[in-house]
Protein backbone atom coordinates (compact mmCIF):
# COMPACT_ATOMS: atom_id res chain seq x y z
CA MET A 1 148.64 104.10 94.38
CA ALA A 2 146.89 102.45 97.32
CA LEU A 3 144.83 105.61 97.84
CA SER A 4 143.65 105.61 94.23
CA ARG A 5 142.63 101.94 94.46
CA CYS A 6 140.73 102.72 97.67
CA ILE A 7 138.86 105.61 96.02
CA ALA A 8 138.03 103.42 93.02
CA SER A 9 136.66 100.66 95.29
CA VAL A 10 134.51 103.11 97.27
CA THR A 11 133.16 104.64 94.02
CA VAL A 12 132.12 101.23 92.70
CA LEU A 13 130.42 100.26 95.97
CA PHE A 14 128.43 103.48 96.24
CA SER A 15 127.43 103.21 92.57
CA LEU A 16 126.07 99.72 93.19
CA ALA A 17 124.26 100.90 96.33
CA SER A 18 122.71 103.83 94.46
CA PHE A 19 121.53 101.48 91.70
CA SER A 20 119.99 99.14 94.29
CA LEU A 21 118.09 101.98 95.95
CA ALA A 22 116.93 103.30 92.58
CA GLN A 23 115.38 99.91 91.78
CA ASP A 24 113.58 99.86 95.14
CA VAL A 25 110.70 101.99 93.84
CA ILE A 26 107.21 102.18 95.26
CA ILE A 27 105.02 100.43 92.71
CA ARG A 28 101.67 100.78 94.49
CA GLU A 29 100.02 103.22 96.87
CA GLN A 30 97.53 102.11 99.50
CA LEU A 31 94.24 104.03 99.49
CA THR A 32 92.97 104.59 103.01
CA ASP A 33 89.44 105.99 102.60
CA MET A 34 86.60 105.71 100.12
CA ASN A 35 86.97 109.29 98.88
CA GLN A 36 90.50 108.43 97.70
CA VAL A 37 89.11 105.31 96.01
CA LYS A 38 86.38 107.33 94.25
CA ASP A 39 88.84 109.98 93.05
CA ALA A 40 91.38 107.40 91.81
CA LEU A 41 88.76 105.52 89.80
CA LEU A 42 87.35 108.68 88.20
CA GLU A 43 90.89 109.82 87.38
CA GLY A 44 91.54 106.60 85.43
CA TYR A 45 93.86 104.72 87.80
CA PRO A 46 93.84 100.90 87.74
CA LEU A 47 93.09 99.68 91.27
CA ARG A 48 93.83 96.39 93.00
CA PHE A 49 91.34 95.01 95.54
CA PHE A 50 92.27 92.40 98.13
CA ALA A 51 90.08 91.00 100.95
CA ASP A 52 91.32 88.81 103.79
CA TYR A 53 88.11 87.03 104.74
CA THR A 54 89.56 85.82 108.03
CA LYS A 55 89.33 89.44 109.22
CA CYS A 56 85.73 89.88 108.07
CA SER A 57 82.38 88.87 109.52
CA ARG A 58 81.43 85.83 107.47
CA THR A 59 78.18 84.01 106.89
CA PRO A 60 78.46 80.30 106.11
CA VAL A 61 78.03 79.22 102.52
CA ILE A 62 74.42 78.19 101.95
CA THR A 63 74.69 75.04 99.90
CA ILE A 64 72.13 72.83 98.20
CA PRO A 65 72.57 69.23 99.47
CA GLY A 66 75.09 67.30 97.41
CA VAL A 67 76.95 70.38 96.17
CA ASP A 68 80.40 70.86 97.67
CA ILE A 69 81.66 74.44 97.21
CA GLU A 70 85.21 75.28 98.31
CA GLU A 71 85.01 78.51 100.30
CA PRO A 72 88.12 80.71 99.85
CA SER A 73 89.99 82.45 102.66
CA ASP A 74 90.86 85.47 100.50
CA PHE A 75 89.64 87.27 97.40
CA GLY A 76 91.50 89.60 95.06
CA THR A 77 90.85 91.29 91.74
CA VAL A 78 91.46 94.31 89.54
CA ILE A 79 88.66 96.89 89.59
CA ASP A 80 88.01 97.16 85.87
CA THR A 81 84.56 98.77 85.76
CA PHE A 82 82.67 100.52 88.55
CA ARG A 83 79.47 102.40 89.25
CA GLY A 84 78.74 104.69 92.15
CA LEU A 85 76.78 107.54 93.68
CA ARG A 86 78.12 110.74 95.21
CA ASP A 87 76.37 113.65 96.90
CA VAL A 88 76.33 117.31 95.85
CA THR A 89 79.63 117.92 97.69
CA GLY A 90 81.37 115.18 95.70
CA LEU A 91 81.67 112.72 98.59
CA PRO A 92 80.87 109.09 97.73
CA ILE A 93 77.58 107.59 98.87
CA GLN A 94 78.35 104.10 97.62
CA MET A 95 80.64 102.37 95.12
CA THR A 96 80.02 99.01 93.46
CA PHE A 97 81.85 96.67 91.15
CA THR A 98 81.40 93.03 90.17
CA THR A 99 83.38 90.06 88.90
CA THR A 100 82.07 86.95 87.16
CA GLU A 101 83.95 83.72 86.44
CA ILE A 102 83.03 80.17 85.46
CA ILE A 103 84.78 77.61 87.68
CA LEU A 104 84.74 73.82 87.85
CA PHE A 105 84.84 72.64 91.48
CA PRO A 106 86.06 69.18 92.50
CA GLY A 107 83.29 66.59 92.55
CA ILE A 108 80.90 68.72 90.47
CA VAL A 109 80.14 67.72 86.89
CA GLU A 110 78.96 71.11 85.64
CA HIS A 111 80.87 74.38 85.70
CA VAL A 112 79.53 76.92 88.19
CA ILE A 113 79.21 80.69 87.67
CA VAL A 114 80.90 82.52 90.55
CA HIS A 115 79.58 86.06 90.81
CA ASN A 116 81.08 88.56 93.28
CA ASN A 117 79.31 91.82 94.05
CA VAL A 118 81.35 94.34 96.06
CA LEU A 119 79.51 97.21 97.76
CA ALA A 120 81.60 99.92 99.47
CA LEU A 121 80.14 102.61 101.74
CA PRO A 122 81.66 105.97 102.77
CA ASP A 123 82.65 104.78 106.26
CA GLY A 124 84.86 102.05 104.76
CA HIS A 125 82.35 99.27 105.30
CA ILE A 126 82.68 96.82 102.39
CA THR A 127 80.41 93.85 101.70
CA VAL A 128 81.46 91.09 99.30
CA THR A 129 78.50 88.93 98.28
CA THR A 130 79.50 85.78 96.40
CA LYS A 131 76.85 83.75 94.59
CA TYR A 132 77.50 80.32 93.12
CA ILE A 133 75.11 79.77 90.21
CA GLU A 134 74.30 76.60 88.32
CA ARG A 135 74.92 77.41 84.67
CA ASN A 136 72.15 75.51 82.86
CA ASN A 137 69.07 76.92 84.59
CA VAL A 138 70.74 79.90 86.34
CA THR A 139 69.88 78.62 89.82
CA GLU A 140 71.77 79.78 92.90
CA VAL A 141 73.33 76.79 94.62
CA ALA A 142 75.21 78.70 97.30
CA THR A 143 75.70 82.21 98.70
CA ALA A 144 78.41 83.64 100.93
CA ILE A 145 78.48 87.13 102.45
CA ASN A 146 81.61 88.72 103.91
CA ASP A 147 81.24 92.00 105.80
CA CYS A 148 84.61 93.74 105.93
CA MET A 149 86.21 97.12 106.63
CA LEU A 150 88.78 99.03 104.60
CA ASN A 151 92.31 98.92 106.01
CA ASP A 152 93.37 102.55 106.52
CA GLY A 153 97.04 101.81 107.13
CA SER A 154 96.73 101.96 110.91
CA ASN A 155 93.97 99.47 111.73
CA ASP A 156 93.95 95.68 111.35
CA GLU A 157 91.01 95.41 108.96
CA GLY A 158 90.97 92.98 106.07
CA VAL A 159 90.36 94.94 102.83
CA PHE A 160 93.25 96.60 101.01
CA ILE A 161 92.84 98.79 97.92
CA TYR A 162 95.92 99.92 95.99
CA LYS A 163 96.54 102.13 92.97
CA SER A 164 99.50 101.72 90.66
CA SER A 165 102.36 104.17 91.17
CA LEU A 166 104.15 103.06 88.01
CA PHE A 167 101.57 104.39 85.58
CA GLU A 168 99.82 107.73 85.38
CA PRO A 169 96.52 108.44 83.59
CA VAL A 170 96.90 111.23 81.01
CA ALA A 171 93.72 112.86 79.70
CA ILE A 172 93.26 112.64 75.93
CA THR A 173 92.05 115.94 74.49
CA SER A 174 91.74 115.30 70.74
CA TYR A 175 90.09 112.62 68.62
CA ASP A 176 93.24 111.95 66.57
CA GLU A 177 95.27 111.44 69.75
CA MET A 178 92.62 109.02 71.02
CA GLU A 179 92.65 106.93 67.85
CA GLN A 180 96.44 106.83 67.92
CA ALA A 181 96.47 105.79 71.60
CA PHE A 182 94.23 102.81 70.80
CA MET A 183 96.36 101.82 67.80
CA ASP A 184 99.60 102.19 69.81
CA GLY A 185 98.38 99.65 72.38
CA TYR A 186 97.90 101.94 75.38
CA SER A 187 95.63 100.84 78.20
CA ILE A 188 92.60 103.15 77.84
CA ARG A 189 90.30 104.02 80.72
CA TYR A 190 87.51 106.51 81.32
CA GLY A 191 85.70 108.26 84.15
CA ALA A 192 82.29 109.91 83.86
CA SER A 193 79.59 111.75 85.76
CA PHE A 194 76.56 110.31 84.00
CA THR A 195 74.22 112.73 85.77
CA GLN A 196 75.92 115.64 83.99
CA CYS A 197 75.41 113.88 80.64
CA GLY A 198 71.61 113.81 80.77
CA GLU A 199 68.54 114.77 82.73
CA PHE A 200 68.08 112.70 85.87
CA ASN A 201 65.46 113.44 88.51
CA THR A 202 67.72 112.68 91.44
CA GLY A 203 69.61 114.57 94.11
CA THR A 204 72.68 112.41 93.68
CA ASP A 205 75.33 112.11 91.00
CA THR A 206 75.67 108.79 89.20
CA ILE A 207 79.32 108.14 88.38
CA GLY A 208 81.17 105.33 86.66
CA GLY A 209 84.13 104.36 84.57
CA GLY A 210 86.87 101.82 84.11
CA LEU A 211 88.90 99.98 81.52
CA ILE A 212 87.93 99.87 77.81
CA PRO A 213 89.15 96.35 76.95
CA LEU A 214 87.43 95.86 73.58
CA TYR A 215 87.07 98.39 70.79
CA TYR A 216 86.60 98.85 67.06
CA LEU A 217 87.75 101.78 64.94
CA LYS A 218 86.18 103.49 61.95
CA ARG A 219 89.24 105.62 61.34
CA GLY A 220 88.62 109.34 61.20
CA GLU A 221 84.96 108.82 62.16
CA ARG A 222 84.34 107.09 65.49
CA ILE A 223 85.54 104.61 68.10
CA ILE A 224 83.17 101.84 69.17
CA ALA A 225 83.61 100.07 72.52
CA SER A 226 81.49 97.52 74.34
CA LEU A 227 81.38 96.34 77.95
CA VAL A 228 79.29 93.50 79.38
CA LYS A 229 78.24 92.92 83.00
CA PHE A 230 76.38 89.95 84.54
CA TYR A 231 74.30 90.75 87.62
CA ASN A 232 71.16 90.12 89.63
CA SER A 233 68.64 92.83 88.72
CA PRO A 234 65.96 94.03 91.16
CA PHE A 235 64.19 95.55 88.13
CA ALA A 236 63.89 92.12 86.47
CA LEU A 237 62.23 90.28 89.39
CA ASP A 238 65.69 89.46 90.80
CA LYS A 239 66.60 87.40 87.76
CA TYR A 240 70.13 87.32 86.43
CA VAL A 241 70.58 89.54 83.40
CA ILE A 242 73.35 90.82 81.15
CA GLU A 243 73.90 94.55 80.98
CA THR A 244 75.54 95.74 77.77
CA PHE A 245 77.33 99.05 77.92
CA LYS A 246 77.95 100.41 74.42
CA ILE A 247 80.16 103.48 73.95
CA ASP A 248 80.56 105.46 70.72
CA ILE A 249 83.17 108.23 70.70
CA TYR A 250 82.77 110.62 67.78
CA GLN A 251 85.17 112.99 66.08
CA ASN A 252 83.58 115.97 67.85
CA LEU A 253 84.66 114.38 71.18
CA THR A 254 81.18 113.36 72.24
CA MET A 255 80.82 110.02 74.05
CA HIS A 256 77.44 108.43 73.30
CA VAL A 257 76.51 105.82 75.91
CA GLU A 258 73.73 103.27 75.61
CA THR A 259 72.96 100.70 78.29
CA SER A 260 70.65 97.77 77.58
CA THR A 261 69.49 94.87 79.74
CA ILE A 262 69.26 91.39 78.21
CA ASN A 263 67.79 88.19 79.64
CA PHE A 264 70.58 85.75 80.52
CA ASP A 265 68.59 82.64 79.60
CA ASN A 266 67.36 83.63 76.10
CA PHE A 267 69.37 86.80 75.27
CA ARG A 268 66.18 88.78 74.59
CA GLN A 269 66.42 92.49 75.29
CA ARG A 270 64.26 93.52 78.21
CA TYR A 271 64.62 97.30 77.92
CA THR A 272 66.98 100.14 77.12
CA GLN A 273 67.91 101.52 80.48
CA GLU A 274 69.91 104.67 79.71
CA VAL A 275 70.87 106.64 76.62
CA PHE A 276 72.88 109.85 76.93
CA ASP A 277 75.71 111.89 75.42
CA CYS A 278 78.75 112.92 77.45
CA PRO A 279 81.00 115.74 76.14
CA LEU A 280 84.70 114.92 76.57
CA VAL A 281 85.62 118.61 76.46
CA SER A 282 83.95 121.61 78.06
CA GLN A 283 84.62 125.23 78.94
CA SER A 284 85.03 124.20 82.58
CA SER A 285 88.06 122.33 83.87
CA ASN A 286 85.90 119.27 84.65
CA PRO A 287 84.02 117.89 81.62
CA PRO A 288 81.31 115.28 82.29
CA ALA A 289 83.55 112.50 80.96
CA ILE A 290 87.29 112.07 80.43
CA VAL A 291 89.19 109.38 78.51
CA TYR A 292 92.70 108.53 79.73
CA LYS A 293 95.68 106.61 78.47
CA LEU A 294 98.05 105.04 81.00
CA VAL A 295 101.65 106.11 80.50
CA PRO A 296 104.70 105.03 82.54
CA LYS A 297 105.82 107.64 85.06
CA THR A 298 109.45 106.64 84.49
CA MET A 299 110.13 104.99 81.17
CA THR A 300 113.25 103.20 82.47
CA THR A 301 111.63 101.54 85.47
CA ALA A 302 107.97 101.09 84.55
CA THR A 303 108.32 98.00 82.41
CA THR A 304 105.50 95.89 83.84
CA GLU A 305 101.92 95.92 82.68
CA ALA A 306 99.57 98.47 84.23
CA ASN A 307 97.37 95.79 85.77
CA VAL A 308 100.25 93.77 87.25
CA ALA A 309 101.04 94.19 90.93
CA PRO A 310 102.99 92.17 93.50
CA PRO A 311 101.21 89.91 95.99
CA VAL A 312 99.30 92.00 98.51
CA PRO A 313 100.32 91.48 102.14
CA THR A 314 97.59 90.81 104.67
CA THR A 315 99.42 92.88 107.28
CA LYS A 316 100.90 96.29 106.71
CA PRO A 317 104.70 96.46 107.12
CA SER A 318 105.86 98.69 109.94
CA SER A 319 107.04 102.16 109.04
CA ALA A 320 110.33 101.47 110.81
CA ALA A 321 111.06 98.56 108.48
CA VAL A 322 110.47 100.79 105.49
CA ASP A 323 112.43 103.81 106.75
CA VAL A 324 115.55 102.12 108.11
CA ARG A 325 116.44 99.99 105.08
CA PRO A 326 118.23 102.67 102.97
CA PHE A 327 120.14 103.88 106.06
CA THR A 328 121.22 100.31 106.90
CA LEU A 329 122.51 99.84 103.35
CA PHE A 330 124.46 103.10 103.60
CA ILE A 331 126.13 101.99 106.89
CA PHE A 332 127.01 98.60 105.42
CA VAL A 333 128.60 100.16 102.33
CA SER A 334 130.54 102.66 104.45
CA LEU A 335 131.96 99.93 106.72
CA LEU A 336 132.89 97.73 103.75
CA SER A 337 134.60 100.70 102.08
CA ALA A 338 136.62 101.42 105.22
CA LEU A 339 137.78 97.79 105.47
CA LEU A 340 138.85 97.80 101.81
CA CYS A 341 140.84 100.99 102.33
CA MET A 342 142.53 99.52 105.44
CA HIS A 343 143.43 96.39 103.47
CA HIS A 344 144.99 98.51 100.69
């Protein structure tokens, strides 16, 4: 009788331990070079970006007298939309993405536009340029530049880039499946080689992609999506402009892309920058553009949103701390089981 109670106790303990280990899943994977970052973005993965400015080379905020801007020690975001260049071998030349928010700082009457431009180079050098812009007349009141390096898992650099391990991008290969994915509430992303979609007189490949957050359906006919980006354009005498990125996906699985540039101050269109058609299917294994839906890798454990991730540490945990934890739990359970059996 005592033996049976002992076996029952041990079974319960090991069941609980197994459940605990099963819940200890890896929910993000650190990317350690820019080629991994480029591939993950083109393959439709949502990426998290985190910069510890204390480990970067920083320029002081240039401030107009009387304007008090609070300079942050860290910066983090989700990479929703990106653009980049890669060479003929597929290696990245540069990758860029931007964020724009409107923030009210203490002591300032007007809200200020905070615009971050992130430029990443193949060697892992990453520059975050933050411009603080007065909203009424679109005047820069402050600028901060942080020159950083990508943390490769072994160095002590300040930029971390992670991809979600809970969700996996699945390529959509039919128009009906794509419509249904939008209606079912999936997170939809795309990756494209724009150079393969049209004629460009350049020796490099222009790539891009990201999240499709806003869309309209004309069921059985086409999907209409629109993206907007605020940036400082060298082609518009360094004025701030709005770039509209309109995507039409037709029933024949052609993605029509039209990019226009609009003045920020009066919303007048300056010019149509690019118009091209990207096939979503081709005879080769790599069509010019691919649309993905994010699906959970394990339906029982992937219950969080695709763009949700835990706080990013500024220092990488040691491999020993990661490797020894399951073994320590096993030893603890074994000792506790032995004491229970001795008691019985």
